[in-house]
N, C-alpha and C. Protein backbone atom coordinates (compact mmCIF):
# COMPACT_ATOMS: atom_id res chain seq x y z
N UNK A 1 -20.18 13.33 21.60
CA UNK A 1 -20.94 13.18 20.58
C UNK A 1 -20.37 11.48 20.12
N UNK A 2 -20.96 10.57 20.11
CA UNK A 2 -20.72 9.53 19.12
C UNK A 2 -21.40 9.57 17.99
N UNK A 3 -20.66 8.80 17.00
CA UNK A 3 -21.27 8.15 15.58
C UNK A 3 -22.08 7.17 16.05
N UNK A 4 -23.59 7.37 15.60
CA UNK A 4 -24.69 6.32 15.65
C UNK A 4 -24.62 5.50 14.41
N UNK A 5 -25.13 3.99 14.82
CA UNK A 5 -24.82 3.21 13.78
C UNK A 5 -26.42 3.59 13.02
N UNK A 6 -27.30 4.34 13.51
CA UNK A 6 -28.48 4.72 12.55
C UNK A 6 -28.32 5.88 12.03
N UNK A 7 -28.75 6.84 11.15
CA UNK A 7 -28.91 7.72 10.70
C UNK A 7 -29.57 8.52 11.15
N UNK A 8 -29.47 9.87 11.74
CA UNK A 8 -30.29 10.90 12.28
C UNK A 8 -30.60 12.22 11.30
N UNK A 9 -31.39 12.64 11.43
CA UNK A 9 -31.67 14.30 10.70
C UNK A 9 -31.43 14.00 8.95
N UNK A 10 -31.84 12.73 8.59
CA UNK A 10 -31.86 12.52 7.26
C UNK A 10 -30.13 12.57 6.98
N UNK A 11 -29.61 12.31 7.70
CA UNK A 11 -27.93 12.29 7.14
C UNK A 11 -27.45 11.20 6.87
N UNK A 12 -26.61 10.83 5.41
CA UNK A 12 -26.31 9.20 5.48
C UNK A 12 -25.05 9.31 6.10
N UNK A 13 -24.56 7.96 6.39
CA UNK A 13 -23.35 7.84 6.92
C UNK A 13 -22.42 8.72 6.37
N UNK A 14 -22.21 8.41 4.70
CA UNK A 14 -21.17 9.01 3.80
C UNK A 14 -21.14 10.59 4.20
N UNK A 15 -22.20 11.35 4.36
CA UNK A 15 -22.55 12.76 4.50
C UNK A 15 -21.76 13.22 5.81
N UNK A 16 -22.16 12.25 6.82
CA UNK A 16 -21.76 12.45 8.12
C UNK A 16 -20.03 12.08 8.13
N UNK A 17 -19.79 11.37 7.44
CA UNK A 17 -18.34 11.00 7.73
C UNK A 17 -17.44 11.88 6.81
N UNK A 18 -18.14 12.67 5.83
CA UNK A 18 -17.39 13.61 4.84
C UNK A 18 -17.10 14.93 5.89
N UNK A 19 -18.23 15.18 6.59
CA UNK A 19 -18.08 16.41 7.34
C UNK A 19 -17.22 16.35 8.57
N UNK A 20 -17.04 15.20 8.91
CA UNK A 20 -16.06 14.59 9.82
C UNK A 20 -14.78 14.77 9.55
N UNK A 21 -14.43 14.00 8.32
CA UNK A 21 -13.15 14.24 8.08
C UNK A 21 -12.70 15.46 7.48
N UNK A 22 -13.37 16.24 6.65
CA UNK A 22 -13.14 17.77 6.22
C UNK A 22 -13.06 18.60 7.58
N UNK A 23 -13.41 18.58 8.59
CA UNK A 23 -13.23 19.14 9.81
C UNK A 23 -12.04 18.51 10.46
N UNK A 24 -11.77 17.28 10.66
CA UNK A 24 -10.10 16.62 10.96
C UNK A 24 -9.55 17.53 10.42
N UNK A 25 -9.47 17.36 9.12
CA UNK A 25 -8.12 17.76 8.00
C UNK A 25 -8.04 19.12 7.71
N UNK A 26 -9.08 20.04 8.31
CA UNK A 26 -8.81 21.55 7.77
C UNK A 26 -7.80 22.21 8.66
N UNK A 27 -7.84 23.03 8.74
CA UNK A 27 -6.79 24.10 9.34
C UNK A 27 -7.69 24.92 10.21
N UNK A 28 -8.70 24.52 10.70
CA UNK A 28 -9.58 25.43 11.69
C UNK A 28 -9.50 24.74 13.05
N UNK A 29 -8.38 25.09 14.03
CA UNK A 29 -8.44 24.52 15.34
C UNK A 29 -9.55 23.96 15.94
N UNK A 30 -10.32 24.98 16.13
CA UNK A 30 -11.79 24.35 16.97
C UNK A 30 -12.48 23.32 16.56
N UNK A 31 -12.72 23.04 14.64
CA UNK A 31 -13.06 22.11 14.38
C UNK A 31 -12.47 20.88 14.39
N UNK A 32 -10.92 21.01 14.51
CA UNK A 32 -10.09 19.59 14.39
C UNK A 32 -10.23 19.39 16.16
N UNK A 33 -9.91 19.85 16.82
CA UNK A 33 -10.05 19.76 18.38
C UNK A 33 -11.49 19.16 18.78
N UNK A 34 -12.55 19.74 17.96
CA UNK A 34 -14.16 18.91 18.27
C UNK A 34 -14.21 17.49 17.90
N UNK A 35 -13.52 17.40 16.67
CA UNK A 35 -13.75 15.94 16.13
C UNK A 35 -12.98 15.16 17.12
N UNK A 36 -11.51 15.59 17.26
CA UNK A 36 -11.02 14.50 18.24
C UNK A 36 -11.34 14.43 19.51
N UNK A 37 -12.09 15.28 20.02
CA UNK A 37 -13.08 14.81 21.39
C UNK A 37 -13.84 14.36 21.36
N UNK A 38 -14.76 14.35 20.29
CA UNK A 38 -16.10 13.92 20.18
C UNK A 38 -16.24 12.66 19.45
N UNK A 39 -15.43 12.60 18.50
CA UNK A 39 -15.61 11.08 17.62
C UNK A 39 -14.22 9.97 17.88
N UNK A 40 -12.93 10.66 18.54
CA UNK A 40 -12.14 9.64 19.01
C UNK A 40 -12.10 9.19 20.52
N UNK A 41 -11.76 7.86 20.42
CA UNK A 41 -11.49 7.04 21.85
C UNK A 41 -10.21 8.04 22.10
N UNK A 42 -10.26 8.15 23.55
CA UNK A 42 -8.97 9.04 24.21
C UNK A 42 -7.70 8.40 23.94
N UNK A 43 -7.97 6.88 23.88
CA UNK A 43 -6.42 6.21 23.73
C UNK A 43 -6.41 5.98 22.36
N UNK A 44 -7.00 6.21 21.25
CA UNK A 44 -7.05 5.96 19.85
C UNK A 44 -5.56 6.16 19.46
N UNK A 45 -4.95 5.31 18.35
CA UNK A 45 -3.65 5.15 17.94
C UNK A 45 -3.68 5.58 16.45
N UNK A 46 -2.51 6.17 16.61
CA UNK A 46 -2.44 7.19 15.28
C UNK A 46 -1.11 6.23 14.43
N UNK A 47 -0.86 6.36 13.38
CA UNK A 47 0.35 5.58 12.59
C UNK A 47 0.45 6.26 11.38
N UNK A 48 1.43 5.96 10.84
CA UNK A 48 1.89 6.48 9.50
C UNK A 48 3.31 5.83 9.09
N UNK A 49 3.73 6.05 7.90
CA UNK A 49 5.17 5.43 7.58
C UNK A 49 6.20 6.16 8.28
N UNK A 50 5.84 7.13 9.20
CA UNK A 50 7.16 8.01 9.64
C UNK A 50 6.99 7.69 11.22
N UNK A 51 5.87 7.28 11.29
CA UNK A 51 5.56 7.37 13.53
C UNK A 51 4.25 6.76 13.60
N UNK A 52 4.22 6.40 15.19
CA UNK A 52 3.28 5.74 15.69
C UNK A 52 3.23 6.52 16.91
N UNK A 53 1.94 6.72 17.47
CA UNK A 53 1.63 7.49 18.98
C UNK A 53 0.15 7.00 19.21
N UNK A 54 -0.31 7.47 20.26
CA UNK A 54 -1.48 6.85 20.91
C UNK A 54 -1.77 8.13 21.87
N UNK A 55 -3.55 8.41 22.08
CA UNK A 55 -4.00 9.39 22.76
C UNK A 55 -3.99 10.45 21.84
N UNK A 56 -5.19 10.86 22.16
CA UNK A 56 -5.79 12.56 21.36
C UNK A 56 -4.96 13.53 21.37
N UNK A 57 -4.41 13.54 22.89
CA UNK A 57 -3.53 14.73 22.92
C UNK A 57 -2.38 14.71 22.14
N UNK A 58 -1.81 13.33 21.65
CA UNK A 58 -0.56 13.38 21.13
C UNK A 58 -0.87 13.40 19.43
N UNK A 59 -2.15 13.31 19.16
CA UNK A 59 -2.49 13.17 17.81
C UNK A 59 -2.96 14.37 17.44
N UNK A 60 -3.36 15.41 18.50
CA UNK A 60 -3.94 16.60 18.09
C UNK A 60 -2.60 17.59 17.87
N UNK A 61 -1.39 17.24 18.74
CA UNK A 61 -0.01 17.78 18.23
C UNK A 61 0.65 17.43 17.01
N UNK A 62 0.53 16.34 16.72
CA UNK A 62 1.10 16.09 15.08
C UNK A 62 0.25 16.73 14.13
N UNK A 63 -0.98 16.66 14.18
CA UNK A 63 -1.73 17.61 13.01
C UNK A 63 -1.45 19.09 13.40
N UNK A 64 -1.23 19.46 14.43
CA UNK A 64 -1.35 20.68 15.07
C UNK A 64 0.30 21.00 14.09
N UNK A 65 1.37 20.19 14.28
CA UNK A 65 2.40 20.43 13.92
C UNK A 65 2.51 20.44 12.35
N UNK A 66 1.91 19.60 11.57
CA UNK A 66 1.66 19.71 10.14
C UNK A 66 1.17 20.69 9.83
N UNK A 67 0.30 21.33 10.40
CA UNK A 67 -0.94 22.64 10.06
C UNK A 67 0.25 24.08 10.11
N UNK A 68 1.12 23.79 10.89
CA UNK A 68 2.03 25.06 11.45
C UNK A 68 3.30 25.06 10.11
N UNK A 69 3.60 23.69 9.71
CA UNK A 69 4.61 23.73 8.51
C UNK A 69 4.12 23.80 7.24
N UNK A 70 2.74 23.44 7.02
CA UNK A 70 2.35 23.36 5.77
C UNK A 70 1.43 24.71 5.54
N UNK A 71 1.42 25.31 4.12
CA UNK A 71 0.73 26.24 4.18
C UNK A 71 -1.00 26.28 3.79
N UNK A 72 -1.13 25.01 3.12
CA UNK A 72 -2.63 24.86 2.67
C UNK A 72 -3.32 23.37 3.08
N UNK A 73 -4.35 23.39 3.67
CA UNK A 73 -5.02 21.99 3.93
C UNK A 73 -4.82 21.06 2.72
N UNK A 74 -4.89 19.59 3.27
CA UNK A 74 -5.02 18.70 2.22
C UNK A 74 -6.84 18.49 1.55
N UNK A 75 -6.48 18.32 0.38
CA UNK A 75 -7.63 18.14 -0.43
C UNK A 75 -8.46 16.94 -0.28
N UNK A 76 -9.49 16.58 0.46
CA UNK A 76 -10.34 15.48 0.46
C UNK A 76 -10.87 14.98 -0.90
N UNK A 77 -10.35 13.73 -1.44
CA UNK A 77 -10.83 13.54 -3.22
C UNK A 77 -12.14 12.85 -2.99
N UNK A 78 -12.04 11.95 -1.69
CA UNK A 78 -13.16 10.66 -1.74
C UNK A 78 -13.37 9.93 -0.54
N UNK A 79 -14.65 9.79 0.10
CA UNK A 79 -14.61 8.98 1.26
C UNK A 79 -15.53 8.13 1.28
N UNK A 80 -15.05 6.98 1.53
CA UNK A 80 -15.86 5.47 1.70
C UNK A 80 -16.26 5.07 3.01
N UNK A 81 -17.33 4.61 3.39
CA UNK A 81 -17.71 4.11 4.81
C UNK A 81 -18.49 3.04 4.80
N UNK A 82 -18.12 1.79 5.81
CA UNK A 82 -19.05 0.70 5.36
C UNK A 82 -19.66 0.67 6.94
N UNK A 83 -19.74 1.35 7.78
CA UNK A 83 -20.13 1.22 9.15
C UNK A 83 -19.11 0.97 9.93
N UNK A 84 -17.87 0.21 9.57
CA UNK A 84 -16.93 0.13 10.80
C UNK A 84 -15.62 0.78 10.31
N UNK A 85 -15.33 0.89 9.28
CA UNK A 85 -14.09 1.17 8.55
C UNK A 85 -14.36 2.56 7.63
N UNK A 86 -13.70 3.62 7.60
CA UNK A 86 -13.66 4.71 7.12
C UNK A 86 -12.36 4.54 6.22
N UNK A 87 -12.64 4.94 5.04
CA UNK A 87 -11.15 4.82 3.92
C UNK A 87 -11.45 6.47 3.26
N UNK A 88 -10.41 7.11 3.27
CA UNK A 88 -10.54 8.65 2.75
C UNK A 88 -9.47 8.72 1.88
N UNK A 89 -9.48 9.01 0.76
CA UNK A 89 -8.27 9.41 -0.23
C UNK A 89 -8.31 10.97 -0.37
N UNK A 90 -7.43 11.32 0.03
CA UNK A 90 -6.82 12.92 0.11
C UNK A 90 -5.62 13.12 -0.91
N UNK A 91 -5.40 14.42 -1.04
CA UNK A 91 -4.17 14.43 -1.47
C UNK A 91 -3.45 16.02 -0.41
N UNK A 92 -2.39 15.17 -0.03
CA UNK A 92 -1.39 16.30 0.74
C UNK A 92 -1.02 17.41 -0.34
N UNK A 93 -1.27 18.61 -0.11
CA UNK A 93 -0.57 19.94 -0.69
C UNK A 93 0.34 20.62 -0.20
N UNK A 94 1.61 19.68 -0.16
CA UNK A 94 2.84 20.23 0.30
C UNK A 94 3.47 21.67 -0.27
N UNK A 95 3.48 22.43 0.71
CA UNK A 95 3.79 23.95 0.11
C UNK A 95 4.50 24.60 1.62
N UNK A 96 5.55 24.09 2.14
CA UNK A 96 6.12 25.06 2.94
C UNK A 96 6.09 26.56 3.31
N UNK A 97 5.64 27.00 4.53
CA UNK A 97 5.57 28.20 4.73
C UNK A 97 6.87 29.14 4.57
N UNK A 98 8.04 28.55 4.90
CA UNK A 98 9.55 28.89 4.57
C UNK A 98 9.49 28.93 2.92
N UNK A 99 8.98 28.39 2.43
CA UNK A 99 9.34 28.09 0.71
C UNK A 99 8.05 28.37 0.03
N UNK A 100 7.27 29.11 -0.02
CA UNK A 100 5.82 29.20 -0.64
C UNK A 100 5.80 28.64 -1.90
N UNK A 101 7.37 29.06 -2.54
CA UNK A 101 7.14 29.03 -4.07
C UNK A 101 7.36 27.21 -4.31
N UNK A 102 7.56 26.53 -3.28
CA UNK A 102 7.72 24.70 -3.78
C UNK A 102 6.48 24.38 -3.40
N UNK A 103 5.23 23.77 -4.23
CA UNK A 103 4.24 23.19 -4.06
C UNK A 103 4.09 21.46 -4.68
N UNK A 104 4.08 20.58 -3.97
CA UNK A 104 3.56 19.39 -4.25
C UNK A 104 2.83 18.53 -4.00
N UNK A 105 2.14 17.66 -4.49
CA UNK A 105 0.91 16.88 -4.26
C UNK A 105 1.31 15.48 -4.08
N UNK A 106 0.96 15.42 -2.84
CA UNK A 106 1.31 13.63 -2.47
C UNK A 106 -0.33 13.00 -2.31
N UNK A 107 -0.39 11.55 -2.74
CA UNK A 107 -1.66 11.05 -2.64
C UNK A 107 -1.32 10.30 -1.39
N UNK A 108 -2.08 10.37 -0.57
CA UNK A 108 -2.39 9.75 0.88
C UNK A 108 -3.89 8.93 1.06
N UNK A 109 -3.97 8.04 1.88
CA UNK A 109 -5.01 7.06 1.80
C UNK A 109 -4.87 6.78 3.36
N UNK A 110 -6.21 7.31 3.97
CA UNK A 110 -6.20 7.51 5.37
C UNK A 110 -7.37 6.58 5.89
N UNK A 111 -6.95 5.30 6.48
CA UNK A 111 -7.97 4.56 7.31
C UNK A 111 -8.21 4.85 8.71
N UNK A 112 -9.53 5.07 9.02
CA UNK A 112 -9.91 5.04 10.29
C UNK A 112 -11.24 4.05 10.70
N UNK A 113 -10.68 3.52 11.62
CA UNK A 113 -11.31 2.08 12.15
C UNK A 113 -12.13 2.50 13.77
N UNK A 114 -13.28 2.07 13.52
CA UNK A 114 -14.41 2.33 14.54
C UNK A 114 -14.25 0.99 15.21
N UNK A 115 -15.15 1.20 16.61
CA UNK A 115 -15.34 0.15 17.20
C UNK A 115 -16.44 1.00 18.41
N UNK A 116 -17.35 -0.15 19.12
CA UNK A 116 -18.50 0.58 19.64
C UNK A 116 -17.80 1.06 21.13
N UNK A 117 -18.52 1.91 21.45
CA UNK A 117 -18.10 2.42 22.88
C UNK A 117 -18.33 1.53 23.73
N UNK A 118 -19.27 0.90 23.87
CA UNK A 118 -19.76 -0.32 25.14
C UNK A 118 -20.57 -1.33 24.00
N UNK A 119 -20.52 -2.64 24.77
CA UNK A 119 -21.19 -3.87 24.03
C UNK A 119 -22.34 -3.43 23.64
N UNK A 120 -23.01 -3.76 22.39
CA UNK A 120 -24.30 -3.47 21.73
C UNK A 120 -24.80 -2.23 21.91
N UNK A 121 -23.94 -1.23 22.16
CA UNK A 121 -24.37 0.43 22.42
C UNK A 121 -25.03 0.79 21.50
N UNK A 122 -24.52 0.45 19.86
CA UNK A 122 -24.68 0.83 18.74
C UNK A 122 -23.90 2.60 18.47
N UNK A 123 -22.84 2.79 19.31
CA UNK A 123 -22.58 3.93 19.49
C UNK A 123 -20.90 3.65 19.08
N UNK A 124 -20.37 4.38 18.14
CA UNK A 124 -19.17 4.24 17.31
C UNK A 124 -18.18 5.41 17.70
N UNK A 125 -16.91 5.09 17.82
CA UNK A 125 -15.67 5.83 17.87
C UNK A 125 -14.68 5.88 17.28
N UNK A 126 -13.72 6.69 16.91
CA UNK A 126 -12.72 5.89 16.05
C UNK A 126 -11.54 5.26 16.78
N UNK A 127 -10.90 4.40 16.69
CA UNK A 127 -9.80 3.86 17.54
C UNK A 127 -8.49 3.34 16.96
N UNK A 128 -8.55 3.68 15.49
CA UNK A 128 -7.47 3.62 15.04
C UNK A 128 -7.42 4.67 13.78
N UNK A 129 -6.34 5.27 13.64
CA UNK A 129 -6.05 6.34 12.49
C UNK A 129 -4.87 5.91 11.83
N UNK A 130 -4.93 5.27 10.56
CA UNK A 130 -3.37 5.20 10.05
C UNK A 130 -3.46 5.63 8.62
N UNK A 131 -2.31 6.57 8.21
CA UNK A 131 -2.31 7.28 7.02
C UNK A 131 -0.99 6.59 6.19
N UNK A 132 -1.30 6.13 5.34
CA UNK A 132 -0.02 5.66 4.43
C UNK A 132 -0.24 6.45 2.99
N UNK A 133 1.27 6.62 2.69
CA UNK A 133 1.66 6.77 1.16
C UNK A 133 2.48 6.22 0.97
N UNK A 134 3.09 6.29 -0.47
CA UNK A 134 4.28 5.45 -0.77
C UNK A 134 5.67 6.22 -1.40
N UNK A 135 6.31 5.68 -1.70
CA UNK A 135 7.73 6.21 -1.95
C UNK A 135 7.32 6.54 -3.17
N UNK A 136 6.78 6.01 -4.02
CA UNK A 136 6.83 6.15 -5.26
C UNK A 136 5.71 7.46 -5.62
N UNK A 137 4.92 7.59 -4.74
CA UNK A 137 4.11 8.75 -4.55
C UNK A 137 4.88 9.80 -4.41
N UNK A 138 5.75 9.76 -3.17
CA UNK A 138 6.56 10.94 -2.83
C UNK A 138 7.43 11.42 -4.19
N UNK A 139 8.10 10.57 -4.87
CA UNK A 139 8.84 10.78 -5.97
C UNK A 139 8.16 11.44 -6.74
N UNK A 140 6.89 11.09 -7.11
CA UNK A 140 6.42 11.40 -8.30
C UNK A 140 5.91 12.92 -8.12
N UNK A 141 5.55 12.94 -6.70
CA UNK A 141 5.40 14.76 -6.46
C UNK A 141 6.11 15.75 -6.65
N UNK A 142 7.30 15.33 -7.12
CA UNK A 142 8.57 16.13 -7.39
C UNK A 142 8.48 16.36 -8.84
N UNK A 143 8.54 17.22 -9.55
CA UNK A 143 8.03 17.37 -11.17
C UNK A 143 9.27 16.72 -11.76
N UNK A 144 10.44 17.00 -11.55
CA UNK A 144 11.61 16.68 -12.26
C UNK A 144 11.82 15.01 -12.12
N UNK A 145 12.24 15.03 -10.51
CA UNK A 145 12.39 13.85 -10.12
C UNK A 145 11.13 12.52 -10.65
N UNK A 146 9.71 13.08 -10.52
CA UNK A 146 8.81 12.03 -10.85
C UNK A 146 9.15 11.76 -12.59
N UNK A 147 9.51 12.85 -13.32
CA UNK A 147 9.84 12.62 -15.01
C UNK A 147 11.10 11.67 -15.14
N UNK A 148 11.89 11.67 -14.34
CA UNK A 148 13.17 10.90 -14.39
C UNK A 148 13.03 9.75 -14.05
N UNK A 149 12.15 9.39 -12.76
CA UNK A 149 11.62 8.02 -12.33
C UNK A 149 11.04 7.19 -13.33
N UNK A 150 9.78 7.96 -14.17
CA UNK A 150 9.21 7.30 -14.68
C UNK A 150 9.71 6.90 -16.08
N UNK A 151 10.61 7.80 -16.77
CA UNK A 151 11.00 7.47 -18.07
C UNK A 151 12.16 7.16 -18.16
N UNK A 152 13.16 7.01 -16.88
CA UNK A 152 14.42 6.57 -17.00
C UNK A 152 14.63 5.39 -16.13
N UNK A 153 14.15 5.78 -15.02
CA UNK A 153 14.72 4.53 -13.71
C UNK A 153 13.84 3.21 -14.04
N UNK A 154 12.22 3.45 -14.18
CA UNK A 154 11.75 2.56 -14.50
C UNK A 154 11.74 1.76 -15.65
N UNK A 155 11.89 2.36 -16.96
CA UNK A 155 12.23 1.84 -18.09
C UNK A 155 13.65 1.23 -18.13
N UNK A 156 14.78 1.76 -17.53
CA UNK A 156 15.96 1.14 -17.44
C UNK A 156 15.68 -0.32 -16.40
N UNK A 157 14.87 -0.28 -15.55
CA UNK A 157 14.64 -1.27 -15.01
C UNK A 157 14.08 -2.51 -15.50
N UNK A 158 13.33 -2.31 -16.30
CA UNK A 158 12.40 -2.83 -16.84
C UNK A 158 13.20 -3.83 -17.91
N UNK A 159 14.22 -2.87 -18.69
CA UNK A 159 15.08 -3.79 -19.50
C UNK A 159 16.18 -4.47 -19.04
N UNK A 160 16.39 -4.06 -17.56
CA UNK A 160 17.67 -4.89 -17.18
C UNK A 160 16.80 -6.27 -16.69
N UNK A 161 15.51 -6.30 -16.19
CA UNK A 161 14.95 -7.69 -15.79
C UNK A 161 14.85 -8.34 -16.49
N UNK A 162 14.30 -7.63 -17.51
CA UNK A 162 13.80 -8.43 -18.80
C UNK A 162 15.26 -9.09 -19.55
N UNK A 163 16.11 -8.70 -19.82
CA UNK A 163 17.45 -9.30 -20.68
C UNK A 163 17.81 -10.32 -19.37
N UNK A 164 17.76 -9.98 -18.03
CA UNK A 164 18.24 -10.94 -16.88
C UNK A 164 17.31 -12.31 -17.22
N UNK A 165 15.85 -11.91 -17.27
CA UNK A 165 15.12 -12.94 -17.49
C UNK A 165 15.36 -13.89 -18.51
N UNK A 166 15.38 -13.24 -19.69
CA UNK A 166 16.08 -14.02 -20.89
C UNK A 166 17.01 -14.77 -20.75
N UNK A 167 18.34 -13.99 -20.04
CA UNK A 167 19.04 -14.92 -19.81
C UNK A 167 19.36 -15.97 -19.03
N UNK A 168 18.44 -16.00 -18.15
CA UNK A 168 18.09 -17.12 -17.27
C UNK A 168 17.37 -18.27 -17.70
N UNK A 169 16.46 -17.71 -18.78
CA UNK A 169 15.82 -18.75 -19.87
C UNK A 169 16.37 -19.55 -20.71
N UNK A 170 17.63 -18.76 -21.14
CA UNK A 170 18.47 -19.34 -22.18
C UNK A 170 19.26 -20.65 -21.51
N UNK A 171 19.80 -20.05 -20.10
CA UNK A 171 20.72 -20.98 -19.52
C UNK A 171 19.82 -22.16 -19.15
N UNK A 172 18.60 -21.88 -18.69
CA UNK A 172 17.70 -23.13 -17.92
C UNK A 172 17.39 -24.45 -19.26
N UNK A 173 16.92 -23.45 -20.39
CA UNK A 173 16.81 -24.23 -21.60
C UNK A 173 17.94 -25.45 -22.24
N UNK A 174 19.28 -24.34 -22.09
CA UNK A 174 20.42 -25.15 -22.51
C UNK A 174 20.67 -26.12 -21.53
N UNK A 175 20.47 -26.07 -20.20
CA UNK A 175 21.27 -27.07 -19.23
C UNK A 175 19.80 -28.18 -19.30
N UNK A 176 18.57 -27.73 -19.60
CA UNK A 176 17.45 -28.91 -19.92
C UNK A 176 18.06 -29.80 -21.24
N UNK A 177 18.35 -29.11 -22.28
CA UNK A 177 18.62 -29.88 -23.31
C UNK A 177 20.01 -30.69 -23.14
N UNK A 178 20.82 -30.35 -22.38
CA UNK A 178 22.03 -31.03 -21.91
C UNK A 178 21.92 -32.42 -21.24
N UNK A 179 20.67 -32.10 -20.18
CA UNK A 179 20.24 -33.22 -19.37
C UNK A 179 19.71 -34.13 -20.57
N UNK A 180 18.79 -33.39 -20.82
CA UNK A 180 18.13 -34.38 -22.08
C UNK A 180 19.15 -35.36 -22.97
N UNK A 181 19.98 -34.69 -23.56
CA UNK A 181 20.78 -35.41 -24.25
C UNK A 181 21.79 -36.41 -23.25
N UNK A 182 22.16 -36.30 -22.30
CA UNK A 182 22.75 -37.17 -21.30
C UNK A 182 21.79 -38.57 -21.14
N UNK A 183 20.62 -38.15 -21.08
CA UNK A 183 19.70 -39.25 -20.73
C UNK A 183 19.39 -40.02 -21.73
N UNK A 184 19.39 -39.46 -23.06
CA UNK A 184 19.65 -40.23 -24.25
C UNK A 184 20.59 -41.17 -24.50
N UNK A 185 21.81 -40.50 -24.13
CA UNK A 185 23.11 -41.38 -24.36
C UNK A 185 23.07 -42.67 -23.39
N UNK A 186 22.18 -42.39 -22.18
CA UNK A 186 22.21 -43.63 -21.04
C UNK A 186 21.29 -44.70 -21.63
N UNK A 187 20.34 -44.00 -22.10
CA UNK A 187 19.38 -45.02 -22.60
C UNK A 187 19.74 -46.05 -23.95
N UNK A 188 20.55 -45.25 -24.91
CA UNK A 188 21.46 -45.93 -25.90
C UNK A 188 22.49 -46.87 -25.29
N UNK A 189 23.11 -46.45 -24.53
CA UNK A 189 24.07 -47.35 -23.90
C UNK A 189 23.65 -48.49 -23.47
N UNK A 190 22.29 -48.30 -22.46
CA UNK A 190 21.71 -49.59 -21.78
C UNK A 190 21.11 -50.47 -23.09
N UNK A 191 20.37 -49.80 -23.76
CA UNK A 191 19.95 -50.47 -24.92
C UNK A 191 21.08 -51.37 -25.71
N UNK A 192 22.13 -50.74 -26.03
CA UNK A 192 22.80 -51.64 -26.91
C UNK A 192 23.65 -52.72 -25.41
N UNK A 193 23.57 -52.30 -24.69
CA UNK A 193 24.53 -53.40 -23.43
C UNK A 193 23.22 -54.64 -23.39
N UNK A 194 22.04 -54.16 -23.57
CA UNK A 194 21.08 -55.52 -23.45
C UNK A 194 20.99 -56.07 -24.62
N UNK A 195 21.15 -55.46 -26.12
CA UNK A 195 21.31 -56.18 -26.89
C UNK A 195 22.58 -57.27 -27.20
N UNK A 196 23.66 -56.85 -26.72
CA UNK A 196 24.94 -57.60 -26.60
C UNK A 196 24.58 -58.86 -25.65
N UNK A 197 23.70 -58.60 -24.50
CA UNK A 197 23.51 -59.40 -23.60
C UNK A 197 22.78 -60.81 -24.34
N UNK A 198 21.88 -60.29 -25.21
CA UNK A 198 20.71 -61.26 -25.82
C UNK A 198 21.71 -61.98 -26.68
N UNK A 199 22.40 -61.60 -27.34
CA UNK A 199 23.27 -62.17 -28.30
C UNK A 199 24.17 -63.30 -27.70
N UNK A 200 25.00 -63.13 -26.60
CA UNK A 200 25.72 -63.75 -25.79
C UNK A 200 24.82 -65.14 -25.19
N UNK A 201 23.70 -65.02 -24.73
CA UNK A 201 22.87 -65.90 -24.26
C UNK A 201 22.22 -66.99 -25.05
N UNK A 202 21.93 -66.36 -26.31
CA UNK A 202 21.15 -67.15 -27.56
C UNK A 202 22.16 -68.05 -27.88
N UNK A 203 21.72 -69.55 -27.71
CA UNK A 203 22.16 -70.71 -28.38
C UNK A 203 22.36 -70.78 -29.81
N UNK A 204 23.64 -71.44 -30.47
CA UNK A 204 23.41 -71.60 -31.71
C UNK A 204 22.52 -72.63 -32.11
N UNK A 205 21.88 -72.87 -33.42
CA UNK A 205 21.19 -73.74 -34.10
C UNK A 205 22.03 -74.80 -34.29
N UNK A 206 21.39 -76.04 -34.09
CA UNK A 206 21.83 -77.44 -33.91
C UNK A 206 21.69 -77.97 -35.48
């Protein structure tokens, strides 16, 4: 089942993609496998900050591993689709099964890039699946670490960089003033020499 460029059964692109995304990231193995089989190219590429792989066989195993290690499925916050690229904003709810009391939320952006199955076929499948998250998002997902990062590290770095910038500005300004003073001295010296030369060449009155 390919994704057709035109809508069917009064479904909009976004409605269809929302269902596809929800099934893809659900912890239902049957739904997830169906999406990979019908909406992905068999050689589709999966990438994230930690790894890169290709093929729906490997992608399914990665999703299965995540589902095994984590207690809750991610929460899909928003789905944007322009006909060629689908951008999914979701929140990974990190809750290891071995430590169920630990629950963290990590913002993740998933980009699904489509291409036509054949030239001018009008049928699309997912060729690239990219998941991205930032170190800042990971740090802020840990309550105490996030507070320390926001109120100590970032504030301290702001002060350090501001002070460093002020010192550099002062040094540059002082150097510029010294250079200007040297230029003024040279101009004054040249003017003095020029004036003395005129006095020497001027003929005395008869």
